[in-house]
Amino acid sequence: MEKEQKNSFFHCYSFNLYHFLKSQGFNYIKKSKNKTNNLTYFTFEKSEELNKTINTWNELKEKSKMEEL
């Protein structure tokens, strides 16, 4: 059961992605620091809508990389 609970959250270490998600109306449920590497991350509750938005972010990121070439 604990494994299911861990999989129901998305930990975002990218400030750019965090700002994109925020601009799309998503709110994080917790802001924390990784104890191993001291990096800040934002925890979001997983949902189909969140997954779609992250996929959109990845597509935009790839498109941006291609335009730089």
PDB file of N, CA and C in Angstrom:
ATOM      1  N   MET A   1       0.819  -1.192   0.000  1.00  0.00           N
ATOM      2  CA  MET A   1       0.000   0.000   0.000  1.00  0.00           C
ATOM      3  C   MET A   1       0.866   1.260   0.000  1.00  0.00           C
ATOM      4  N   GLU A   2       1.976   1.253   0.721  1.00  0.00           N
ATOM      5  CA  GLU A   2       2.845   2.423   0.759  1.00  0.00           C
ATOM      6  C   GLU A   2       3.403   2.730  -0.626  1.00  0.00           C
ATOM      7  N   LYS A   3       3.690   1.699  -1.410  1.00  0.00           N
ATOM      8  CA  LYS A   3       4.191   1.912  -2.766  1.00  0.00           C
ATOM      9  C   LYS A   3       3.146   2.652  -3.607  1.00  0.00           C
ATOM     10  N   GLU A   4       1.886   2.309  -3.457  1.00  0.00           N
ATOM     11  CA  GLU A   4       0.815   2.994  -4.181  1.00  0.00           C
ATOM     12  C   GLU A   4       0.764   4.462  -3.779  1.00  0.00           C
ATOM     13  N   GLN A   5       0.942   4.752  -2.512  1.00  0.00           N
ATOM     14  CA  GLN A   5       0.904   6.133  -2.041  1.00  0.00           C
ATOM     15  C   GLN A   5       2.067   6.930  -2.616  1.00  0.00           C
ATOM     16  N   LYS A   6       3.263   6.365  -2.662  1.00  0.00           N
ATOM     17  CA  LYS A   6       4.418   7.058  -3.224  1.00  0.00           C
ATOM     18  C   LYS A   6       4.199   7.365  -4.693  1.00  0.00           C
ATOM     19  N   ASN A   7       3.573   6.456  -5.419  1.00  0.00           N
ATOM     20  CA  ASN A   7       3.354   6.642  -6.843  1.00  0.00           C
ATOM     21  C   ASN A   7       2.249   7.640  -7.147  1.00  0.00           C
ATOM     22  N   SER A   8       1.539   8.106  -6.154  1.00  0.00           N
ATOM     23  CA  SER A   8       0.455   9.047  -6.416  1.00  0.00           C
ATOM     24  C   SER A   8       0.924  10.502  -6.342  1.00  0.00           C
ATOM     25  N   PHE A   9       2.247  10.689  -6.215  1.00  0.00           N
ATOM     26  CA  PHE A   9       2.806  12.034  -6.146  1.00  0.00           C
ATOM     27  C   PHE A   9       3.898  12.222  -7.188  1.00  0.00           C
ATOM     28  N   PHE A  10       4.000  13.439  -7.686  1.00  0.00           N
ATOM     29  CA  PHE A  10       5.044  13.807  -8.634  1.00  0.00           C
ATOM     30  C   PHE A  10       5.947  14.825  -7.945  1.00  0.00           C
ATOM     31  N   HIS A  11       7.241  14.518  -7.896  1.00  0.00           N
ATOM     32  CA  HIS A  11       8.214  15.412  -7.273  1.00  0.00           C
ATOM     33  C   HIS A  11       8.933  16.177  -8.377  1.00  0.00           C
ATOM     34  N   CYS A  12       8.753  17.464  -8.384  1.00  0.00           N
ATOM     35  CA  CYS A  12       9.278  18.326  -9.439  1.00  0.00           C
ATOM     36  C   CYS A  12      10.523  19.052  -8.936  1.00  0.00           C
ATOM     37  N   TYR A  13      11.671  18.765  -9.554  1.00  0.00           N
ATOM     38  CA  TYR A  13      12.927  19.407  -9.189  1.00  0.00           C
ATOM     39  C   TYR A  13      13.267  20.573 -10.113  1.00  0.00           C
ATOM     40  N   SER A  14      12.501  20.774 -11.156  1.00  0.00           N
ATOM     41  CA  SER A  14      12.757  21.832 -12.137  1.00  0.00           C
ATOM     42  C   SER A  14      11.943  23.081 -11.789  1.00  0.00           C
ATOM     43  N   PHE A  15      12.649  24.190 -11.541  1.00  0.00           N
ATOM     44  CA  PHE A  15      11.932  25.435 -11.258  1.00  0.00           C
ATOM     45  C   PHE A  15      11.174  25.909 -12.494  1.00  0.00           C
ATOM     46  N   ASN A  16      11.720  25.660 -13.678  1.00  0.00           N
ATOM     47  CA  ASN A  16      11.019  26.049 -14.906  1.00  0.00           C
ATOM     48  C   ASN A  16       9.712  25.273 -15.054  1.00  0.00           C
ATOM     49  N   LEU A  17       9.772  23.963 -14.829  1.00  0.00           N
ATOM     50  CA  LEU A  17       8.554  23.152 -14.907  1.00  0.00           C
ATOM     51  C   LEU A  17       7.577  23.563 -13.808  1.00  0.00           C
ATOM     52  N   TYR A  18       8.084  23.812 -12.619  1.00  0.00           N
ATOM     53  CA  TYR A  18       7.221  24.261 -11.521  1.00  0.00           C
ATOM     54  C   TYR A  18       6.448  25.519 -11.926  1.00  0.00           C
ATOM     55  N   HIS A  19       7.144  26.500 -12.502  1.00  0.00           N
ATOM     56  CA  HIS A  19       6.480  27.744 -12.911  1.00  0.00           C
ATOM     57  C   HIS A  19       5.477  27.492 -14.032  1.00  0.00           C
ATOM     58  N   PHE A  20       5.800  26.572 -14.945  1.00  0.00           N
ATOM     59  CA  PHE A  20       4.862  26.220 -16.011  1.00  0.00           C
ATOM     60  C   PHE A  20       3.604  25.591 -15.417  1.00  0.00           C
ATOM     61  N   LEU A  21       3.780  24.644 -14.508  1.00  0.00           N
ATOM     62  CA  LEU A  21       2.626  23.996 -13.874  1.00  0.00           C
ATOM     63  C   LEU A  21       1.784  25.022 -13.112  1.00  0.00           C
ATOM     64  N   LYS A  22       2.453  25.922 -12.421  1.00  0.00           N
ATOM     65  CA  LYS A  22       1.734  26.969 -11.684  1.00  0.00           C
ATOM     66  C   LYS A  22       0.931  27.843 -12.646  1.00  0.00           C
ATOM     67  N   SER A  23       1.528  28.181 -13.801  1.00  0.00           N
ATOM     68  CA  SER A  23       0.828  29.021 -14.782  1.00  0.00           C
ATOM     69  C   SER A  23      -0.377  28.309 -15.386  1.00  0.00           C
ATOM     70  N   GLN A  24      -0.377  26.974 -15.306  1.00  0.00           N
ATOM     71  CA  GLN A  24      -1.483  26.183 -15.835  1.00  0.00           C
ATOM     72  C   GLN A  24      -2.529  25.869 -14.760  1.00  0.00           C
ATOM     73  N   GLY A  25      -2.359  26.448 -13.580  1.00  0.00           N
ATOM     74  CA  GLY A  25      -3.364  26.315 -12.526  1.00  0.00           C
ATOM     75  C   GLY A  25      -3.108  25.218 -11.507  1.00  0.00           C
ATOM     76  N   PHE A  26      -1.953  24.574 -11.562  1.00  0.00           N
ATOM     77  CA  PHE A  26      -1.640  23.514 -10.596  1.00  0.00           C
ATOM     78  C   PHE A  26      -0.975  24.122  -9.364  1.00  0.00           C
ATOM     79  N   ASN A  27      -1.304  23.590  -8.218  1.00  0.00           N
ATOM     80  CA  ASN A  27      -0.695  24.020  -6.963  1.00  0.00           C
ATOM     81  C   ASN A  27       0.021  22.839  -6.328  1.00  0.00           C
ATOM     82  N   TYR A  28       1.223  23.094  -5.828  1.00  0.00           N
ATOM     83  CA  TYR A  28       1.947  22.019  -5.148  1.00  0.00           C
ATOM     84  C   TYR A  28       1.341  21.806  -3.770  1.00  0.00           C
ATOM     85  N   ILE A  29       1.525  20.586  -3.260  1.00  0.00           N
ATOM     86  CA  ILE A  29       0.993  20.289  -1.930  1.00  0.00           C
ATOM     87  C   ILE A  29       2.082  20.370  -0.858  1.00  0.00           C
ATOM     88  N   LYS A  30       3.352  20.355  -1.323  1.00  0.00           N
ATOM     89  CA  LYS A  30       4.446  20.441  -0.359  1.00  0.00           C
ATOM     90  C   LYS A  30       5.710  20.904  -1.073  1.00  0.00           C
ATOM     91  N   LYS A  31       6.472  21.760  -0.414  1.00  0.00           N
ATOM     92  CA  LYS A  31       7.788  22.182  -0.895  1.00  0.00           C
ATOM     93  C   LYS A  31       8.797  21.631   0.102  1.00  0.00           C
ATOM     94  N   SER A  32       9.818  20.928  -0.402  1.00  0.00           N
ATOM     95  CA  SER A  32      10.774  20.272   0.490  1.00  0.00           C
ATOM     96  C   SER A  32      12.175  20.368  -0.074  1.00  0.00           C
ATOM     97  N   LYS A  33      13.132  19.906   0.734  1.00  0.00           N
ATOM     98  CA  LYS A  33      14.515  19.780   0.280  1.00  0.00           C
ATOM     99  C   LYS A  33      14.905  18.315   0.376  1.00  0.00           C
ATOM    100  N   ASN A  34      15.557  17.834  -0.673  1.00  0.00           N
ATOM    101  CA  ASN A  34      16.054  16.472  -0.691  1.00  0.00           C
ATOM    102  C   ASN A  34      17.171  16.365   0.349  1.00  0.00           C
ATOM    103  N   LYS A  35      17.073  15.407   1.241  1.00  0.00           N
ATOM    104  CA  LYS A  35      18.055  15.265   2.318  1.00  0.00           C
ATOM    105  C   LYS A  35      19.420  14.825   1.808  1.00  0.00           C
ATOM    106  N   THR A  36      19.455  14.164   0.660  1.00  0.00           N
ATOM    107  CA  THR A  36      20.713  13.667   0.116  1.00  0.00           C
ATOM    108  C   THR A  36      21.500  14.755  -0.600  1.00  0.00           C
ATOM    109  N   ASN A  37      20.814  15.529  -1.455  1.00  0.00           N
ATOM    110  CA  ASN A  37      21.532  16.506  -2.277  1.00  0.00           C
ATOM    111  C   ASN A  37      21.140  17.959  -1.994  1.00  0.00           C
ATOM    112  N   ASN A  38      20.243  18.172  -1.045  1.00  0.00           N
ATOM    113  CA  ASN A  38      19.811  19.504  -0.616  1.00  0.00           C
ATOM    114  C   ASN A  38      19.092  20.306  -1.703  1.00  0.00           C
ATOM    115  N   LEU A  39      18.617  19.648  -2.744  1.00  0.00           N
ATOM    116  CA  LEU A  39      17.879  20.335  -3.802  1.00  0.00           C
ATOM    117  C   LEU A  39      16.421  20.522  -3.390  1.00  0.00           C
ATOM    118  N   THR A  40      15.879  21.679  -3.724  1.00  0.00           N
ATOM    119  CA  THR A  40      14.472  21.968  -3.460  1.00  0.00           C
ATOM    120  C   THR A  40      13.606  21.264  -4.490  1.00  0.00           C
ATOM    121  N   TYR A  41      12.485  20.713  -4.042  1.00  0.00           N
ATOM    122  CA  TYR A  41      11.521  20.126  -4.971  1.00  0.00           C
ATOM    123  C   TYR A  41      10.109  20.432  -4.500  1.00  0.00           C
ATOM    124  N   PHE A  42       9.193  20.351  -5.466  1.00  0.00           N
ATOM    125  CA  PHE A  42       7.782  20.619  -5.216  1.00  0.00           C
ATOM    126  C   PHE A  42       7.005  19.336  -5.461  1.00  0.00           C
ATOM    127  N   THR A  43       6.119  18.982  -4.558  1.00  0.00           N
ATOM    128  CA  THR A  43       5.329  17.763  -4.671  1.00  0.00           C
ATOM    129  C   THR A  43       3.920  18.110  -5.136  1.00  0.00           C
ATOM    130  N   PHE A  44       3.515  17.456  -6.230  1.00  0.00           N
ATOM    131  CA  PHE A  44       2.173  17.612  -6.782  1.00  0.00           C
ATOM    132  C   PHE A  44       1.451  16.279  -6.691  1.00  0.00           C
ATOM    133  N   GLU A  45       0.149  16.316  -6.515  1.00  0.00           N
ATOM    134  CA  GLU A  45      -0.648  15.096  -6.563  1.00  0.00           C
ATOM    135  C   GLU A  45      -0.835  14.712  -8.028  1.00  0.00           C
ATOM    136  N   LYS A  46      -0.524  13.455  -8.345  1.00  0.00           N
ATOM    137  CA  LYS A  46      -0.647  12.995  -9.731  1.00  0.00           C
ATOM    138  C   LYS A  46      -2.101  12.968 -10.172  1.00  0.00           C
ATOM    139  N   SER A  47      -2.296  13.300 -11.445  1.00  0.00           N
ATOM    140  CA  SER A  47      -3.617  13.215 -12.062  1.00  0.00           C
ATOM    141  C   SER A  47      -3.405  13.107 -13.565  1.00  0.00           C
ATOM    142  N   GLU A  48      -4.445  12.725 -14.264  1.00  0.00           N
ATOM    143  CA  GLU A  48      -4.372  12.639 -15.725  1.00  0.00           C
ATOM    144  C   GLU A  48      -4.065  14.018 -16.311  1.00  0.00           C
ATOM    145  N   GLU A  49      -4.693  15.043 -15.749  1.00  0.00           N
ATOM    146  CA  GLU A  49      -4.477  16.419 -16.225  1.00  0.00           C
ATOM    147  C   GLU A  49      -3.027  16.861 -15.998  1.00  0.00           C
ATOM    148  N   LEU A  50      -2.461  16.504 -14.852  1.00  0.00           N
ATOM    149  CA  LEU A  50      -1.058  16.829 -14.581  1.00  0.00           C
ATOM    150  C   LEU A  50      -0.160  16.117 -15.581  1.00  0.00           C
ATOM    151  N   ASN A  51      -0.417  14.840 -15.848  1.00  0.00           N
ATOM    152  CA  ASN A  51       0.386  14.093 -16.818  1.00  0.00           C
ATOM    153  C   ASN A  51       0.327  14.726 -18.199  1.00  0.00           C
ATOM    154  N   LYS A  52      -0.859  15.147 -18.623  1.00  0.00           N
ATOM    155  CA  LYS A  52      -1.010  15.793 -19.932  1.00  0.00           C
ATOM    156  C   LYS A  52      -0.218  17.093 -19.986  1.00  0.00           C
ATOM    157  N   THR A  53      -0.254  17.845 -18.911  1.00  0.00           N
ATOM    158  CA  THR A  53       0.453  19.124 -18.868  1.00  0.00           C
ATOM    159  C   THR A  53       1.963  18.909 -18.876  1.00  0.00           C
ATOM    160  N   ILE A  54       2.442  17.900 -18.179  1.00  0.00           N
ATOM    161  CA  ILE A  54       3.876  17.587 -18.195  1.00  0.00           C
ATOM    162  C   ILE A  54       4.285  17.129 -19.594  1.00  0.00           C
ATOM    163  N   ASN A  55       3.447  16.346 -20.260  1.00  0.00           N
ATOM    164  CA  ASN A  55       3.737  15.937 -21.640  1.00  0.00           C
ATOM    165  C   ASN A  55       3.812  17.146 -22.559  1.00  0.00           C
ATOM    166  N   THR A  56       2.908  18.101 -22.380  1.00  0.00           N
ATOM    167  CA  THR A  56       2.942  19.337 -23.165  1.00  0.00           C
ATOM    168  C   THR A  56       4.246  20.081 -22.908  1.00  0.00           C
ATOM    169  N   TRP A  57       4.661  20.171 -21.662  1.00  0.00           N
ATOM    170  CA  TRP A  57       5.920  20.815 -21.288  1.00  0.00           C
ATOM    171  C   TRP A  57       7.095  20.135 -22.000  1.00  0.00           C
ATOM    172  N   ASN A  58       7.117  18.816 -21.977  1.00  0.00           N
ATOM    173  CA  ASN A  58       8.208  18.081 -22.628  1.00  0.00           C
ATOM    174  C   ASN A  58       8.219  18.315 -24.132  1.00  0.00           C
ATOM    175  N   GLU A  59       7.050  18.365 -24.750  1.00  0.00           N
ATOM    176  CA  GLU A  59       6.963  18.634 -26.187  1.00  0.00           C
ATOM    177  C   GLU A  59       7.466  20.041 -26.510  1.00  0.00           C
ATOM    178  N   LEU A  60       7.082  21.013 -25.712  1.00  0.00           N
ATOM    179  CA  LEU A  60       7.547  22.388 -25.921  1.00  0.00           C
ATOM    180  C   LEU A  60       9.057  22.499 -25.736  1.00  0.00           C
ATOM    181  N   LYS A  61       9.573  21.777 -24.756  1.00  0.00           N
ATOM    182  CA  LYS A  61      11.012  21.776 -24.495  1.00  0.00           C
ATOM    183  C   LYS A  61      11.771  21.180 -25.679  1.00  0.00           C
ATOM    184  N   GLU A  62      11.274  20.067 -26.214  1.00  0.00           N
ATOM    185  CA  GLU A  62      11.907  19.428 -27.372  1.00  0.00           C
ATOM    186  C   GLU A  62      11.837  20.334 -28.598  1.00  0.00           C
ATOM    187  N   LYS A  63      10.697  20.959 -28.805  1.00  0.00           N
ATOM    188  CA  LYS A  63      10.529  21.869 -29.938  1.00  0.00           C
ATOM    189  C   LYS A  63      11.516  23.027 -29.830  1.00  0.00           C
ATOM    190  N   SER A  64      11.685  23.542 -28.643  1.00  0.00           N
ATOM    191  CA  SER A  64      12.618  24.637 -28.402  1.00  0.00           C
ATOM    192  C   SER A  64      14.050  24.210 -28.710  1.00  0.00           C
ATOM    193  N   LYS A  65      14.415  22.990 -28.331  1.00  0.00           N
ATOM    194  CA  LYS A  65      15.757  22.470 -28.620  1.00  0.00           C
ATOM    195  C   LYS A  65      15.979  22.347 -30.121  1.00  0.00           C
ATOM    196  N   MET A  66      14.970  21.892 -30.839  1.00  0.00           N
ATOM    197  CA  MET A  66      15.081  21.719 -32.289  1.00  0.00           C
ATOM    198  C   MET A  66      15.245  23.073 -32.986  1.00  0.00           C
ATOM    199  N   GLU A  67      14.579  24.096 -32.479  1.00  0.00           N
ATOM    200  CA  GLU A  67      14.670  25.423 -33.079  1.00  0.00           C
ATOM    201  C   GLU A  67      16.036  26.046 -32.851  1.00  0.00           C
ATOM    202  N   GLU A  68      16.738  25.622 -31.805  1.00  0.00           N
ATOM    203  CA  GLU A  68      18.074  26.136 -31.527  1.00  0.00           C
ATOM    204  C   GLU A  68      19.090  25.599 -32.520  1.00  0.00           C
ATOM    205  N   LEU A  69      18.812  24.455 -33.133  1.00  0.00           N
ATOM    206  CA  LEU A  69      19.754  23.846 -34.077  1.00  0.00           C
ATOM    207  C   LEU A  69      19.743  24.550 -35.348  1.00  0.00           C
TER     208      LEU A  69
END
